Each structure stands twice: as structure tokens, then as C-alpha cells.
Amino acid sequence: MSFQAYLDNIEKQTGVTPDEFIRLATARGFTRPGTKATPITDWLKADYGLGHGHAMAIVKLLRERGGLS
């Protein structure tokens, strides 16, 4: 499955676009330098019902487009 397919499936499941996830993560402070993946994946699993693979796709999105280093 391609990365874009993961993002498409996440949007279908949650109703939240990739850009909205970036904004939400930024508002929660998850794009600050040094932020680990675990707090982000825990949030996505708890609030959006994502599995680990889909949550990690959002972490990758944040690293590539959201400023997470």
C-alpha cells in the first residue's frame, strides 16, 4: 500500500484531512523539536481509533510536511 493510500484511508476513517492533522498536532505541541512518536500515536489511537500503522503514517506526515524533526 502506498503512503498516499494510507492517508486516503485515514481520511475516510476519521473525516480528518492530512492538513487538518498537521494543524491539530501543531496545536497540541506535537511538532516541536524532539517530540517522540509515542505520544503522537497514543493520541491518534485514543482520539481517532487509528491502528499503529495508520498512526505512524501521520507521524511520517508530520515529519515530512509538519515540521516535526
PDB file of N, CA and C in Angstrom:
ATOM      1  N   MET A   1       0.852  -1.174   0.000  1.00  0.00           N
ATOM      2  CA  MET A   1       0.000   0.000   0.000  1.00  0.00           C
ATOM      3  C   MET A   1       0.898   1.237   0.000  1.00  0.00           C
ATOM      4  N   SER A   2       0.566   2.195  -0.833  1.00  0.00           N
ATOM      5  CA  SER A   2       1.362   3.417  -0.913  1.00  0.00           C
ATOM      6  C   SER A   2       1.064   4.331   0.273  1.00  0.00           C
ATOM      7  N   PHE A   3       1.967   5.262   0.502  1.00  0.00           N
ATOM      8  CA  PHE A   3       1.776   6.230   1.579  1.00  0.00           C
ATOM      9  C   PHE A   3       0.498   7.028   1.353  1.00  0.00           C
ATOM     10  N   GLN A   4       0.256   7.436   0.110  1.00  0.00           N
ATOM     11  CA  GLN A   4      -0.961   8.199  -0.186  1.00  0.00           C
ATOM     12  C   GLN A   4      -2.206   7.370   0.095  1.00  0.00           C
ATOM     13  N   ALA A   5      -2.158   6.080  -0.175  1.00  0.00           N
ATOM     14  CA  ALA A   5      -3.299   5.211   0.127  1.00  0.00           C
ATOM     15  C   ALA A   5      -3.559   5.166   1.629  1.00  0.00           C
ATOM     16  N   TYR A   6      -2.490   5.131   2.434  1.00  0.00           N
ATOM     17  CA  TYR A   6      -2.655   5.198   3.889  1.00  0.00           C
ATOM     18  C   TYR A   6      -3.378   6.485   4.272  1.00  0.00           C
ATOM     19  N   LEU A   7      -2.914   7.619   3.724  1.00  0.00           N
ATOM     20  CA  LEU A   7      -3.534   8.900   4.059  1.00  0.00           C
ATOM     21  C   LEU A   7      -4.991   8.950   3.619  1.00  0.00           C
ATOM     22  N   ASP A   8      -5.278   8.415   2.441  1.00  0.00           N
ATOM     23  CA  ASP A   8      -6.662   8.383   1.955  1.00  0.00           C
ATOM     24  C   ASP A   8      -7.544   7.553   2.883  1.00  0.00           C
ATOM     25  N   ASN A   9      -7.050   6.403   3.313  1.00  0.00           N
ATOM     26  CA  ASN A   9      -7.818   5.547   4.220  1.00  0.00           C
ATOM     27  C   ASN A   9      -8.033   6.208   5.573  1.00  0.00           C
ATOM     28  N   ILE A  10      -7.024   6.902   6.059  1.00  0.00           N
ATOM     29  CA  ILE A  10      -7.156   7.614   7.333  1.00  0.00           C
ATOM     30  C   ILE A  10      -8.227   8.687   7.226  1.00  0.00           C
ATOM     31  N   GLU A  11      -8.230   9.431   6.137  1.00  0.00           N
ATOM     32  CA  GLU A  11      -9.238  10.473   5.950  1.00  0.00           C
ATOM     33  C   GLU A  11     -10.638   9.870   5.869  1.00  0.00           C
ATOM     34  N   LYS A  12     -10.783   8.751   5.164  1.00  0.00           N
ATOM     35  CA  LYS A  12     -12.090   8.084   5.089  1.00  0.00           C
ATOM     36  C   LYS A  12     -12.550   7.620   6.462  1.00  0.00           C
ATOM     37  N   GLN A  13     -11.624   7.076   7.248  1.00  0.00           N
ATOM     38  CA  GLN A  13     -11.959   6.539   8.569  1.00  0.00           C
ATOM     39  C   GLN A  13     -12.291   7.640   9.572  1.00  0.00           C
ATOM     40  N   THR A  14     -11.554   8.754   9.519  1.00  0.00           N
ATOM     41  CA  THR A  14     -11.681   9.771  10.564  1.00  0.00           C
ATOM     42  C   THR A  14     -12.429  11.021  10.131  1.00  0.00           C
ATOM     43  N   GLY A  15     -12.474  11.279   8.827  1.00  0.00           N
ATOM     44  CA  GLY A  15     -13.053  12.525   8.344  1.00  0.00           C
ATOM     45  C   GLY A  15     -12.109  13.709   8.493  1.00  0.00           C
ATOM     46  N   VAL A  16     -10.859  13.437   8.836  1.00  0.00           N
ATOM     47  CA  VAL A  16      -9.859  14.482   9.050  1.00  0.00           C
ATOM     48  C   VAL A  16      -8.833  14.409   7.921  1.00  0.00           C
ATOM     49  N   THR A  17      -8.586  15.550   7.273  1.00  0.00           N
ATOM     50  CA  THR A  17      -7.618  15.588   6.181  1.00  0.00           C
ATOM     51  C   THR A  17      -6.193  15.607   6.734  1.00  0.00           C
ATOM     52  N   PRO A  18      -5.223  15.272   5.897  1.00  0.00           N
ATOM     53  CA  PRO A  18      -3.830  15.363   6.345  1.00  0.00           C
ATOM     54  C   PRO A  18      -3.456  16.760   6.850  1.00  0.00           C
ATOM     55  N   ASP A  19      -3.887  17.797   6.146  1.00  0.00           N
ATOM     56  CA  ASP A  19      -3.580  19.161   6.593  1.00  0.00           C
ATOM     57  C   ASP A  19      -4.214  19.463   7.942  1.00  0.00           C
ATOM     58  N   GLU A  20      -5.414  18.948   8.175  1.00  0.00           N
ATOM     59  CA  GLU A  20      -6.055  19.140   9.480  1.00  0.00           C
ATOM     60  C   GLU A  20      -5.277  18.421  10.579  1.00  0.00           C
ATOM     61  N   PHE A  21      -4.769  17.220  10.289  1.00  0.00           N
ATOM     62  CA  PHE A  21      -3.946  16.522  11.279  1.00  0.00           C
ATOM     63  C   PHE A  21      -2.697  17.331  11.612  1.00  0.00           C
ATOM     64  N   ILE A  22      -2.097  17.959  10.619  1.00  0.00           N
ATOM     65  CA  ILE A  22      -0.925  18.797  10.876  1.00  0.00           C
ATOM     66  C   ILE A  22      -1.304  19.943  11.805  1.00  0.00           C
ATOM     67  N   ARG A  23      -2.415  20.615  11.534  1.00  0.00           N
ATOM     68  CA  ARG A  23      -2.855  21.726  12.391  1.00  0.00           C
ATOM     69  C   ARG A  23      -3.171  21.248  13.804  1.00  0.00           C
ATOM     70  N   LEU A  24      -3.877  20.119  13.914  1.00  0.00           N
ATOM     71  CA  LEU A  24      -4.227  19.583  15.232  1.00  0.00           C
ATOM     72  C   LEU A  24      -2.978  19.195  16.020  1.00  0.00           C
ATOM     73  N   ALA A  25      -2.041  18.549  15.355  1.00  0.00           N
ATOM     74  CA  ALA A  25      -0.802  18.136  16.026  1.00  0.00           C
ATOM     75  C   ALA A  25       0.017  19.348  16.451  1.00  0.00           C
ATOM     76  N   THR A  26       0.048  20.367  15.615  1.00  0.00           N
ATOM     77  CA  THR A  26       0.774  21.588  15.961  1.00  0.00           C
ATOM     78  C   THR A  26       0.144  22.254  17.174  1.00  0.00           C
ATOM     79  N   ALA A  27      -1.179  22.316  17.210  1.00  0.00           N
ATOM     80  CA  ALA A  27      -1.880  22.924  18.347  1.00  0.00           C
ATOM     81  C   ALA A  27      -1.598  22.182  19.648  1.00  0.00           C
ATOM     82  N   ARG A  28      -1.361  20.884  19.567  1.00  0.00           N
ATOM     83  CA  ARG A  28      -1.054  20.080  20.756  1.00  0.00           C
ATOM     84  C   ARG A  28       0.436  20.079  21.086  1.00  0.00           C
ATOM     85  N   GLY A  29       1.229  20.757  20.296  1.00  0.00           N
ATOM     86  CA  GLY A  29       2.663  20.826  20.548  1.00  0.00           C
ATOM     87  C   GLY A  29       3.445  19.632  20.039  1.00  0.00           C
ATOM     88  N   PHE A  30       2.831  18.823  19.189  1.00  0.00           N
ATOM     89  CA  PHE A  30       3.486  17.608  18.715  1.00  0.00           C
ATOM     90  C   PHE A  30       4.479  17.833  17.581  1.00  0.00           C
ATOM     91  N   THR A  31       4.604  19.052  17.084  1.00  0.00           N
ATOM     92  CA  THR A  31       5.571  19.295  16.018  1.00  0.00           C
ATOM     93  C   THR A  31       6.820  19.995  16.546  1.00  0.00           C
ATOM     94  N   ARG A  32       6.936  20.093  17.855  1.00  0.00           N
ATOM     95  CA  ARG A  32       8.131  20.698  18.452  1.00  0.00           C
ATOM     96  C   ARG A  32       9.330  19.767  18.275  1.00  0.00           C
ATOM     97  N   PRO A  33      10.520  20.341  18.152  1.00  0.00           N
ATOM     98  CA  PRO A  33      11.723  19.507  18.038  1.00  0.00           C
ATOM     99  C   PRO A  33      11.846  18.555  19.228  1.00  0.00           C
ATOM    100  N   GLY A  34      12.253  17.348  18.931  1.00  0.00           N
ATOM    101  CA  GLY A  34      12.465  16.359  19.978  1.00  0.00           C
ATOM    102  C   GLY A  34      11.243  15.560  20.375  1.00  0.00           C
ATOM    103  N   THR A  35      10.086  15.870  19.806  1.00  0.00           N
ATOM    104  CA  THR A  35       8.879  15.114  20.133  1.00  0.00           C
ATOM    105  C   THR A  35       9.018  13.690  19.607  1.00  0.00           C
ATOM    106  N   LYS A  36       8.762  12.729  20.450  1.00  0.00           N
ATOM    107  CA  LYS A  36       8.839  11.313  20.078  1.00  0.00           C
ATOM    108  C   LYS A  36       7.524  10.874  19.432  1.00  0.00           C
ATOM    109  N   ALA A  37       7.564   9.761  18.749  1.00  0.00           N
ATOM    110  CA  ALA A  37       6.382   9.240  18.056  1.00  0.00           C
ATOM    111  C   ALA A  37       5.320   8.733  19.026  1.00  0.00           C
ATOM    112  N   THR A  38       5.723   8.168  20.165  1.00  0.00           N
ATOM    113  CA  THR A  38       4.760   7.516  21.056  1.00  0.00           C
ATOM    114  C   THR A  38       3.637   8.429  21.531  1.00  0.00           C
ATOM    115  N   PRO A  39       3.904   9.651  21.999  1.00  0.00           N
ATOM    116  CA  PRO A  39       2.779  10.496  22.414  1.00  0.00           C
ATOM    117  C   PRO A  39       1.818  10.811  21.266  1.00  0.00           C
ATOM    118  N   ILE A  40       2.366  10.925  20.070  1.00  0.00           N
ATOM    119  CA  ILE A  40       1.528  11.216  18.904  1.00  0.00           C
ATOM    120  C   ILE A  40       0.666  10.006  18.563  1.00  0.00           C
ATOM    121  N   THR A  41       1.278   8.831  18.509  1.00  0.00           N
ATOM    122  CA  THR A  41       0.493   7.637  18.174  1.00  0.00           C
ATOM    123  C   THR A  41      -0.530   7.333  19.260  1.00  0.00           C
ATOM    124  N   ASP A  42      -0.178   7.561  20.522  1.00  0.00           N
ATOM    125  CA  ASP A  42      -1.152   7.358  21.607  1.00  0.00           C
ATOM    126  C   ASP A  42      -2.363   8.261  21.424  1.00  0.00           C
ATOM    127  N   TRP A  43      -2.140   9.525  21.079  1.00  0.00           N
ATOM    128  CA  TRP A  43      -3.224  10.482  20.835  1.00  0.00           C
ATOM    129  C   TRP A  43      -4.097  10.033  19.661  1.00  0.00           C
ATOM    130  N   LEU A  44      -3.469   9.646  18.563  1.00  0.00           N
ATOM    131  CA  LEU A  44      -4.225   9.245  17.373  1.00  0.00           C
ATOM    132  C   LEU A  44      -5.038   7.976  17.615  1.00  0.00           C
ATOM    133  N   LYS A  45      -4.479   7.048  18.358  1.00  0.00           N
ATOM    134  CA  LYS A  45      -5.198   5.813  18.682  1.00  0.00           C
ATOM    135  C   LYS A  45      -6.384   6.103  19.594  1.00  0.00           C
ATOM    136  N   ALA A  46      -6.169   6.933  20.610  1.00  0.00           N
ATOM    137  CA  ALA A  46      -7.222   7.223  21.591  1.00  0.00           C
ATOM    138  C   ALA A  46      -8.332   8.095  21.007  1.00  0.00           C
ATOM    139  N   ASP A  47      -7.964   9.139  20.293  1.00  0.00           N
ATOM    140  CA  ASP A  47      -8.957  10.108  19.826  1.00  0.00           C
ATOM    141  C   ASP A  47      -9.589   9.758  18.479  1.00  0.00           C
ATOM    142  N   TYR A  48      -8.874   9.013  17.647  1.00  0.00           N
ATOM    143  CA  TYR A  48      -9.368   8.746  16.295  1.00  0.00           C
ATOM    144  C   TYR A  48      -9.506   7.267  15.968  1.00  0.00           C
ATOM    145  N   GLY A  49      -9.143   6.401  16.896  1.00  0.00           N
ATOM    146  CA  GLY A  49      -9.285   4.965  16.682  1.00  0.00           C
ATOM    147  C   GLY A  49      -8.355   4.396  15.625  1.00  0.00           C
ATOM    148  N   LEU A  50      -7.244   5.073  15.378  1.00  0.00           N
ATOM    149  CA  LEU A  50      -6.312   4.576  14.371  1.00  0.00           C
ATOM    150  C   LEU A  50      -5.496   3.417  14.921  1.00  0.00           C
ATOM    151  N   GLY A  51      -5.141   2.495  14.039  1.00  0.00           N
ATOM    152  CA  GLY A  51      -4.208   1.443  14.397  1.00  0.00           C
ATOM    153  C   GLY A  51      -2.792   1.988  14.354  1.00  0.00           C
ATOM    154  N   HIS A  52      -1.850   1.167  14.782  1.00  0.00           N
ATOM    155  CA  HIS A  52      -0.468   1.634  14.873  1.00  0.00           C
ATOM    156  C   HIS A  52       0.104   2.052  13.515  1.00  0.00           C
ATOM    157  N   GLY A  53      -0.150   1.266  12.477  1.00  0.00           N
ATOM    158  CA  GLY A  53       0.385   1.596  11.156  1.00  0.00           C
ATOM    159  C   GLY A  53      -0.138   2.915  10.620  1.00  0.00           C
ATOM    160  N   HIS A  54      -1.434   3.149  10.772  1.00  0.00           N
ATOM    161  CA  HIS A  54      -2.012   4.408  10.308  1.00  0.00           C
ATOM    162  C   HIS A  54      -1.525   5.577  11.161  1.00  0.00           C
ATOM    163  N   ALA A  55      -1.391   5.360  12.465  1.00  0.00           N
ATOM    164  CA  ALA A  55      -0.872   6.419  13.333  1.00  0.00           C
ATOM    165  C   ALA A  55       0.563   6.780  12.937  1.00  0.00           C
ATOM    166  N   MET A  56       1.361   5.777  12.616  1.00  0.00           N
ATOM    167  CA  MET A  56       2.738   6.045  12.193  1.00  0.00           C
ATOM    168  C   MET A  56       2.781   6.762  10.844  1.00  0.00           C
ATOM    169  N   ALA A  57       1.784   6.548  10.003  1.00  0.00           N
ATOM    170  CA  ALA A  57       1.713   7.293   8.744  1.00  0.00           C
ATOM    171  C   ALA A  57       1.517   8.783   9.028  1.00  0.00           C
ATOM    172  N   ILE A  58       0.735   9.110  10.038  1.00  0.00           N
ATOM    173  CA  ILE A  58       0.555  10.514  10.417  1.00  0.00           C
ATOM    174  C   ILE A  58       1.857  11.069  10.991  1.00  0.00           C
ATOM    175  N   VAL A  59       2.572  10.284  11.775  1.00  0.00           N
ATOM    176  CA  VAL A  59       3.880  10.723  12.279  1.00  0.00           C
ATOM    177  C   VAL A  59       4.803  11.031  11.100  1.00  0.00           C
ATOM    178  N   LYS A  60       4.808  10.166  10.108  1.00  0.00           N
ATOM    179  CA  LYS A  60       5.628  10.405   8.905  1.00  0.00           C
ATOM    180  C   LYS A  60       5.188  11.693   8.211  1.00  0.00           C
ATOM    181  N   LEU A  61       3.892  11.895   8.101  1.00  0.00           N
ATOM    182  CA  LEU A  61       3.363  13.123   7.510  1.00  0.00           C
ATOM    183  C   LEU A  61       3.869  14.343   8.275  1.00  0.00           C
ATOM    184  N   LEU A  62       3.833  14.269   9.598  1.00  0.00           N
ATOM    185  CA  LEU A  62       4.298  15.390  10.412  1.00  0.00           C
ATOM    186  C   LEU A  62       5.790  15.632  10.213  1.00  0.00           C
ATOM    187  N   ARG A  63       6.551  14.583  10.033  1.00  0.00           N
ATOM    188  CA  ARG A  63       7.994  14.737   9.798  1.00  0.00           C
ATOM    189  C   ARG A  63       8.265  15.354   8.426  1.00  0.00           C
ATOM    190  N   GLU A  64       7.478  14.974   7.441  1.00  0.00           N
ATOM    191  CA  GLU A  64       7.725  15.446   6.076  1.00  0.00           C
ATOM    192  C   GLU A  64       7.131  16.819   5.801  1.00  0.00           C
ATOM    193  N   ARG A  65       5.954  17.097   6.364  1.00  0.00           N
ATOM    194  CA  ARG A  65       5.250  18.331   5.996  1.00  0.00           C
ATOM    195  C   ARG A  65       4.864  19.206   7.174  1.00  0.00           C
ATOM    196  N   GLY A  66       5.004  18.693   8.382  1.00  0.00           N
ATOM    197  CA  GLY A  66       4.514  19.446   9.533  1.00  0.00           C
ATOM    198  C   GLY A  66       5.573  20.058  10.415  1.00  0.00           C
ATOM    199  N   GLY A  67       6.835  19.848  10.087  1.00  0.00           N
ATOM    200  CA  GLY A  67       7.893  20.460  10.864  1.00  0.00           C
ATOM    201  C   GLY A  67       8.463  19.596  11.969  1.00  0.00           C
ATOM    202  N   LEU A  68       7.898  18.410  12.215  1.00  0.00           N
ATOM    203  CA  LEU A  68       8.445  17.510  13.227  1.00  0.00           C
ATOM    204  C   LEU A  68       9.793  17.005  12.743  1.00  0.00           C
ATOM    205  N   SER A  69      10.775  17.071  13.628  1.00  0.00           N
ATOM    206  CA  SER A  69      12.110  16.610  13.213  1.00  0.00           C
ATOM    207  C   SER A  69      12.475  15.317  13.889  1.00  0.00           C
TER     208      SER A  69
END
